[in-house]
């Protein structure tokens, strides 16, 4: 089977040898699980990224989604998180095989992305509804990755790669470290989706707006607000949109301004450091600009 060139390129860039091994066995995995689970393939989703995702029909006529990932910690934690959510605000896991990176998930219909809601206030309000629905206490077992530890690892990797400074200002990195520490000392500890933004929130006709593709972290719940805040800003008046989204969240959600701003700085700088590994200078510049806005807002608190 021939995979789209853009999909192959992403897999190779992100996963290297493991990704090439994944692509070599992908056709056999699809055939195996479609036969074992009696699935009829409708076709791949139009927006493939770092996973191969197919629309399928189950033997009883139910529509579902077959998702096959490179089997690693990320796919394992996604399966764990989806199991914890149990279909509450998140597309339910019907079957999962962690060692193969395979998931059979319920299909949300019509599946309209939140990106289609153009009004910023309405979009943020819908996001807040989903954020509230998926809040879960952190289970004792299985364990999940502390987001603060992930941040510190990202900052360490960035500094080792840029000992004399790089695209992310060191003052940002230092402040982000302090913000993660502040959240760990003053915040709460919950299960985090970890990638809750416009493209991962879809409309279901029966249950309203739902999320997909959780990453599965442990951390302060304000950290789950950040991917939405810094998402879909290209071509928009960045500071104005950040201000509106932030105020709507503070109006509707049980988070303090300092809690939210510190989570924003910590998570945005972590994201910028990850972008340096890809060499995405445009994204880094935008994240730096966003971080500076959050810092100004935080400084106003005194």
Protein backbone atom coordinates (compact mmCIF):
# COMPACT_ATOMS: atom_id res chain seq x y z
CA UNK A 1 0.00 0.00 0.00
CA UNK A 2 1.29 3.47 -0.88
CA UNK A 3 1.14 6.11 1.86
CA UNK A 4 0.80 9.86 1.16
CA UNK A 5 4.22 11.46 0.76
CA UNK A 6 3.46 14.16 3.34
CA UNK A 7 2.48 11.50 5.88
CA UNK A 8 5.65 9.50 5.25
CA UNK A 9 7.76 12.64 5.61
CA UNK A 10 6.21 13.52 8.96
CA UNK A 11 6.63 9.99 10.32
CA UNK A 12 10.24 9.80 9.21
CA UNK A 13 11.10 13.23 10.64
CA UNK A 14 9.38 12.59 13.96
CA UNK A 15 10.29 8.96 14.64
CA UNK A 16 13.34 8.06 12.52
CA UNK A 17 14.08 4.34 12.35
CA UNK A 18 11.05 3.48 14.49
CA UNK A 19 8.86 5.41 12.07
CA UNK A 20 10.29 3.62 9.03
CA UNK A 21 9.68 0.26 10.73
CA UNK A 22 6.12 1.39 11.49
CA UNK A 23 5.45 2.29 7.85
CA UNK A 24 6.82 -1.05 6.66
CA UNK A 25 4.38 -2.97 8.84
CA UNK A 26 1.41 -0.61 8.64
CA UNK A 27 -0.41 -2.39 5.82
CA UNK A 28 -0.21 -5.74 7.64
CA UNK A 29 -1.47 -4.17 10.88
CA UNK A 30 -4.47 -2.67 9.12
CA UNK A 31 -5.32 -6.00 7.48
CA UNK A 32 -4.85 -7.92 10.74
CA UNK A 33 -7.08 -5.75 12.91
CA UNK A 34 -9.74 -5.24 10.26
CA UNK A 35 -10.01 -9.02 9.97
CA UNK A 36 -9.83 -9.72 13.72
CA UNK A 37 -12.32 -7.02 14.66
CA UNK A 38 -14.49 -7.49 11.54
CA UNK A 39 -14.09 -3.95 10.29
CA UNK A 40 -14.88 -2.59 6.84
CA UNK A 41 -12.60 0.24 5.76
CA UNK A 42 -14.26 3.41 4.45
CA UNK A 43 -11.02 5.33 3.91
CA UNK A 44 -8.40 7.45 5.68
CA UNK A 45 -9.21 10.76 7.33
CA UNK A 46 -8.29 13.75 5.14
CA UNK A 47 -5.89 15.36 7.63
CA UNK A 48 -3.32 12.65 8.42
CA UNK A 49 -0.49 13.84 10.66
CA UNK A 50 1.54 11.60 12.97
CA UNK A 51 -0.90 8.66 13.10
CA UNK A 52 -2.65 6.64 10.40
CA UNK A 53 -6.38 7.06 10.97
CA UNK A 54 -9.15 5.28 9.09
CA UNK A 55 -12.91 5.61 9.11
CA UNK A 56 -14.32 2.09 9.47
CA UNK A 57 -17.65 0.31 9.90
CA UNK A 58 -18.04 -2.39 12.55
CA UNK A 59 -19.87 -5.68 11.97
CA UNK A 60 -23.01 -4.30 13.66
CA UNK A 61 -23.03 -1.29 11.33
CA UNK A 62 -21.59 1.15 13.84
CA UNK A 63 -19.21 3.77 12.46
CA UNK A 64 -15.84 3.93 14.21
CA UNK A 65 -12.27 5.15 13.83
CA UNK A 66 -9.24 2.87 13.58
CA UNK A 67 -6.12 4.72 14.73
CA UNK A 68 -2.66 3.18 14.36
CA UNK A 69 0.29 5.00 15.93
CA UNK A 70 3.97 4.33 16.24
CA UNK A 71 3.93 2.20 19.42
CA UNK A 72 5.69 4.24 22.10
CA UNK A 73 5.02 6.04 25.37
CA UNK A 74 2.86 8.66 23.65
CA UNK A 75 0.44 6.10 22.20
CA UNK A 76 0.41 4.20 25.51
CA UNK A 77 -0.54 7.29 27.51
CA UNK A 78 -3.19 8.22 24.96
CA UNK A 79 -4.85 4.85 25.42
CA UNK A 80 -4.59 5.13 29.21
CA UNK A 81 -6.14 8.60 29.23
CA UNK A 82 -9.00 7.64 26.91
CA UNK A 83 -9.76 4.69 29.19
CA UNK A 84 -9.93 6.99 32.23
CA UNK A 85 -12.31 9.40 30.47
CA UNK A 86 -14.75 6.52 29.72
CA UNK A 87 -16.48 8.52 27.00
CA UNK A 88 -17.15 11.51 29.30
CA UNK A 89 -16.38 14.46 27.07
CA UNK A 90 -13.95 12.40 24.99
CA UNK A 91 -14.50 9.92 22.18
CA UNK A 92 -14.62 6.50 23.84
CA UNK A 93 -12.09 3.74 23.37
CA UNK A 94 -13.83 0.63 22.04
CA UNK A 95 -10.72 -1.56 21.84
CA UNK A 96 -7.02 -0.95 22.31
CA UNK A 97 -3.76 -2.83 21.84
CA UNK A 98 -1.00 -0.67 23.37
CA UNK A 99 1.88 -2.85 22.23
CA UNK A 100 0.85 -2.29 18.61
CA UNK A 101 -0.24 1.34 19.05
CA UNK A 102 -3.73 0.40 17.83
CA UNK A 103 -7.03 1.94 18.95
CA UNK A 104 -10.61 1.44 17.82
CA UNK A 105 -12.52 4.59 18.81
CA UNK A 106 -16.07 5.75 18.57
CA UNK A 107 -16.69 8.11 15.68
CA UNK A 108 -18.12 11.51 16.47
CA UNK A 109 -20.73 12.67 13.97
CA UNK A 110 -20.85 15.05 12.17
CA UNK A 111 -17.32 15.58 13.55
CA UNK A 112 -17.19 19.29 12.77
CA UNK A 113 -14.02 20.84 14.21
CA UNK A 114 -14.19 23.79 16.58
CA UNK A 115 -12.16 25.65 13.96
CA UNK A 116 -15.47 26.14 12.13
CA UNK A 117 -16.76 28.40 14.90
CA UNK A 118 -15.27 31.68 13.72
CA UNK A 119 -16.48 33.96 16.52
CA UNK A 120 -13.69 34.02 19.12
CA UNK A 121 -15.96 34.40 22.13
CA UNK A 122 -18.28 31.59 21.06
CA UNK A 123 -15.33 29.34 20.23
CA UNK A 124 -13.76 29.94 23.64
CA UNK A 125 -17.08 29.32 25.41
CA UNK A 126 -17.45 25.97 23.63
CA UNK A 127 -13.89 25.12 24.61
CA UNK A 128 -14.66 25.91 28.24
CA UNK A 129 -17.60 23.49 28.15
CA UNK A 130 -15.31 20.68 27.02
CA UNK A 131 -12.58 21.60 29.52
CA UNK A 132 -15.10 21.32 32.37
CA UNK A 133 -16.49 18.00 31.11
CA UNK A 134 -13.17 16.18 30.99
CA UNK A 135 -11.82 17.12 34.41
CA UNK A 136 -10.72 13.96 36.18
CA UNK A 137 -8.76 13.35 39.38
CA UNK A 138 -5.36 11.82 38.78
CA UNK A 139 -5.68 8.05 39.21
CA UNK A 140 -3.19 6.29 41.47
CA UNK A 141 -2.76 3.65 38.78
CA UNK A 142 -1.86 3.74 35.99
CA UNK A 143 0.70 6.52 36.36
CA UNK A 144 0.95 9.57 34.09
CA UNK A 145 3.82 11.88 33.13
CA UNK A 146 4.16 15.02 35.32
CA UNK A 147 4.00 18.00 32.98
CA UNK A 148 6.53 19.91 35.13
CA UNK A 149 9.10 17.16 34.65
CA UNK A 150 8.45 17.26 30.91
CA UNK A 151 9.03 21.00 30.93
CA UNK A 152 12.30 20.73 32.80
CA UNK A 153 13.47 18.02 30.41
CA UNK A 154 12.61 20.26 27.43
CA UNK A 155 14.51 23.19 28.95
CA UNK A 156 17.55 21.02 29.68
CA UNK A 157 17.58 19.68 26.12
CA UNK A 158 17.24 23.21 24.75
CA UNK A 159 20.13 24.55 26.84
CA UNK A 160 22.41 21.66 25.88
CA UNK A 161 21.67 22.28 22.21
CA UNK A 162 22.12 26.08 22.57
CA UNK A 163 24.82 26.67 25.22
CA UNK A 164 25.37 30.25 24.04
CA UNK A 165 21.71 31.12 23.63
CA UNK A 166 19.18 30.43 20.93
CA UNK A 167 15.83 31.47 19.52
CA UNK A 168 14.06 31.13 22.87
CA UNK A 169 15.27 33.86 25.27
CA UNK A 170 16.92 32.50 28.41
CA UNK A 171 14.83 34.86 30.53
CA UNK A 172 11.75 33.03 29.18
CA UNK A 173 13.21 29.65 30.07
CA UNK A 174 14.18 30.76 33.58
CA UNK A 175 10.73 32.19 34.24
CA UNK A 176 9.02 29.09 32.85
CA UNK A 177 11.00 26.94 35.27
CA UNK A 178 9.85 29.13 38.16
CA UNK A 179 6.25 28.97 36.91
CA UNK A 180 6.24 25.16 36.80
CA UNK A 181 7.63 25.20 40.35
CA UNK A 182 4.94 27.66 41.45
CA UNK A 183 2.19 25.47 39.98
CA UNK A 184 3.57 22.39 41.71
CA UNK A 185 3.62 24.26 45.03
CA UNK A 186 0.39 26.27 44.78
CA UNK A 187 -1.73 24.47 42.22
CA UNK A 188 -3.66 21.22 42.00
CA UNK A 189 -2.92 17.85 40.45
CA UNK A 190 -5.29 16.37 37.88
CA UNK A 191 -5.28 14.27 34.76
CA UNK A 192 -4.54 16.56 31.81
CA UNK A 193 -5.62 16.05 28.21
CA UNK A 194 -2.40 17.79 27.22
CA UNK A 195 -3.36 18.86 23.69
CA UNK A 196 -6.78 20.43 24.07
CA UNK A 197 -7.21 22.84 21.17
CA UNK A 198 -9.54 23.66 18.26
CA UNK A 199 -8.60 20.73 15.99
CA UNK A 200 -9.02 18.21 18.80
CA UNK A 201 -12.55 19.32 19.69
CA UNK A 202 -15.30 17.92 17.46
CA UNK A 203 -19.09 18.23 17.41
CA UNK A 204 -21.23 15.17 18.08
CA UNK A 205 -24.92 15.48 17.23
CA UNK A 206 -26.05 13.70 20.39
CA UNK A 207 -23.55 14.85 23.01
CA UNK A 208 -22.33 18.22 21.82
CA UNK A 209 -18.69 19.22 21.66
CA UNK A 210 -16.24 16.41 22.52
CA UNK A 211 -12.50 15.98 22.47
CA UNK A 212 -10.19 13.45 20.84
CA UNK A 213 -6.46 12.56 20.90
CA UNK A 214 -5.47 13.12 24.55
CA UNK A 215 -1.76 13.10 25.40
CA UNK A 216 -2.17 12.19 29.06
CA UNK A 217 -0.17 14.27 31.55
CA UNK A 218 -0.37 14.94 35.29
CA UNK A 219 -0.46 18.57 36.35
CA UNK A 220 -2.41 21.68 37.29
CA UNK A 221 -5.73 21.92 35.40
CA UNK A 222 -4.84 25.41 34.13
CA UNK A 223 -2.20 23.78 31.95
CA UNK A 224 -5.03 22.25 29.89
CA UNK A 225 -6.16 25.76 28.91
CA UNK A 226 -2.92 26.77 27.24
CA UNK A 227 -2.90 24.84 23.92
CA UNK A 228 -6.19 26.50 23.00
CA UNK A 229 -4.92 29.95 23.96
CA UNK A 230 -1.87 29.85 21.69
CA UNK A 231 -3.57 27.94 18.86
CA UNK A 232 -5.00 29.42 15.64
CA UNK A 233 -3.46 32.89 16.04
CA UNK A 234 -1.78 33.23 12.65
CA UNK A 235 -3.07 36.26 10.75
CA UNK A 236 -5.01 37.54 13.77
CA UNK A 237 -4.36 40.47 16.14
CA UNK A 238 -2.48 38.24 18.58
CA UNK A 239 -2.66 40.32 21.76
CA UNK A 240 -6.34 41.17 21.27
CA UNK A 241 -7.30 37.53 20.74
CA UNK A 242 -5.22 36.38 23.71
CA UNK A 243 -6.92 39.00 25.88
CA UNK A 244 -10.41 37.95 24.81
CA UNK A 245 -9.78 34.22 25.22
CA UNK A 246 -8.14 34.76 28.61
CA UNK A 247 -11.00 36.91 29.95
CA UNK A 248 -13.65 34.42 28.81
CA UNK A 249 -11.81 31.59 30.57
CA UNK A 250 -11.44 33.61 33.78
CA UNK A 251 -15.15 34.47 33.67
CA UNK A 252 -16.30 30.90 33.21
CA UNK A 253 -13.73 28.59 34.84
CA UNK A 254 -12.49 28.00 38.41
CA UNK A 255 -8.92 29.21 37.83
CA UNK A 256 -7.24 32.33 39.17
CA UNK A 257 -5.55 34.89 36.94
CA UNK A 258 -2.11 34.17 38.40
CA UNK A 259 -2.64 30.41 38.07
CA UNK A 260 -3.64 30.78 34.43
CA UNK A 261 -0.84 33.20 33.51
CA UNK A 262 1.86 31.08 35.14
CA UNK A 263 0.54 27.97 33.39
CA UNK A 264 0.56 29.90 30.11
CA UNK A 265 4.19 30.97 30.50
CA UNK A 266 5.33 27.50 31.53
CA UNK A 267 3.53 25.64 28.73
CA UNK A 268 4.20 28.17 25.98
CA UNK A 269 7.94 28.25 26.62
CA UNK A 270 8.01 24.43 26.73
CA UNK A 271 6.27 24.44 23.34
CA UNK A 272 8.79 26.95 21.97
CA UNK A 273 11.68 24.74 23.09
CA UNK A 274 10.09 21.76 21.36
CA UNK A 275 9.79 23.82 18.17
CA UNK A 276 13.54 24.42 18.21
CA UNK A 277 14.05 20.68 17.74
CA UNK A 278 12.08 20.98 14.49
CA UNK A 279 13.83 24.21 13.46
CA UNK A 280 10.45 25.96 13.15
CA UNK A 281 11.59 29.57 13.59
CA UNK A 282 8.24 31.09 12.62
CA UNK A 283 6.44 29.13 15.34
CA UNK A 284 9.14 30.00 17.89
CA UNK A 285 8.80 33.73 17.15
CA UNK A 286 5.05 33.51 17.66
CA UNK A 287 5.45 31.58 20.94
CA UNK A 288 7.98 34.17 22.15
CA UNK A 289 5.55 36.98 21.33
CA UNK A 290 2.78 35.17 23.20
CA UNK A 291 5.05 34.60 26.20
CA UNK A 292 5.94 38.29 26.34
CA UNK A 293 2.22 39.14 26.46
CA UNK A 294 1.67 36.71 29.34
CA UNK A 295 4.68 38.17 31.19
CA UNK A 296 3.30 41.71 30.89
CA UNK A 297 -0.05 40.50 32.23
CA UNK A 298 1.65 38.68 35.12
CA UNK A 299 3.74 41.75 36.00
CA UNK A 300 0.56 43.79 36.33
CA UNK A 301 -0.48 41.60 39.26
CA UNK A 302 2.40 43.10 41.26
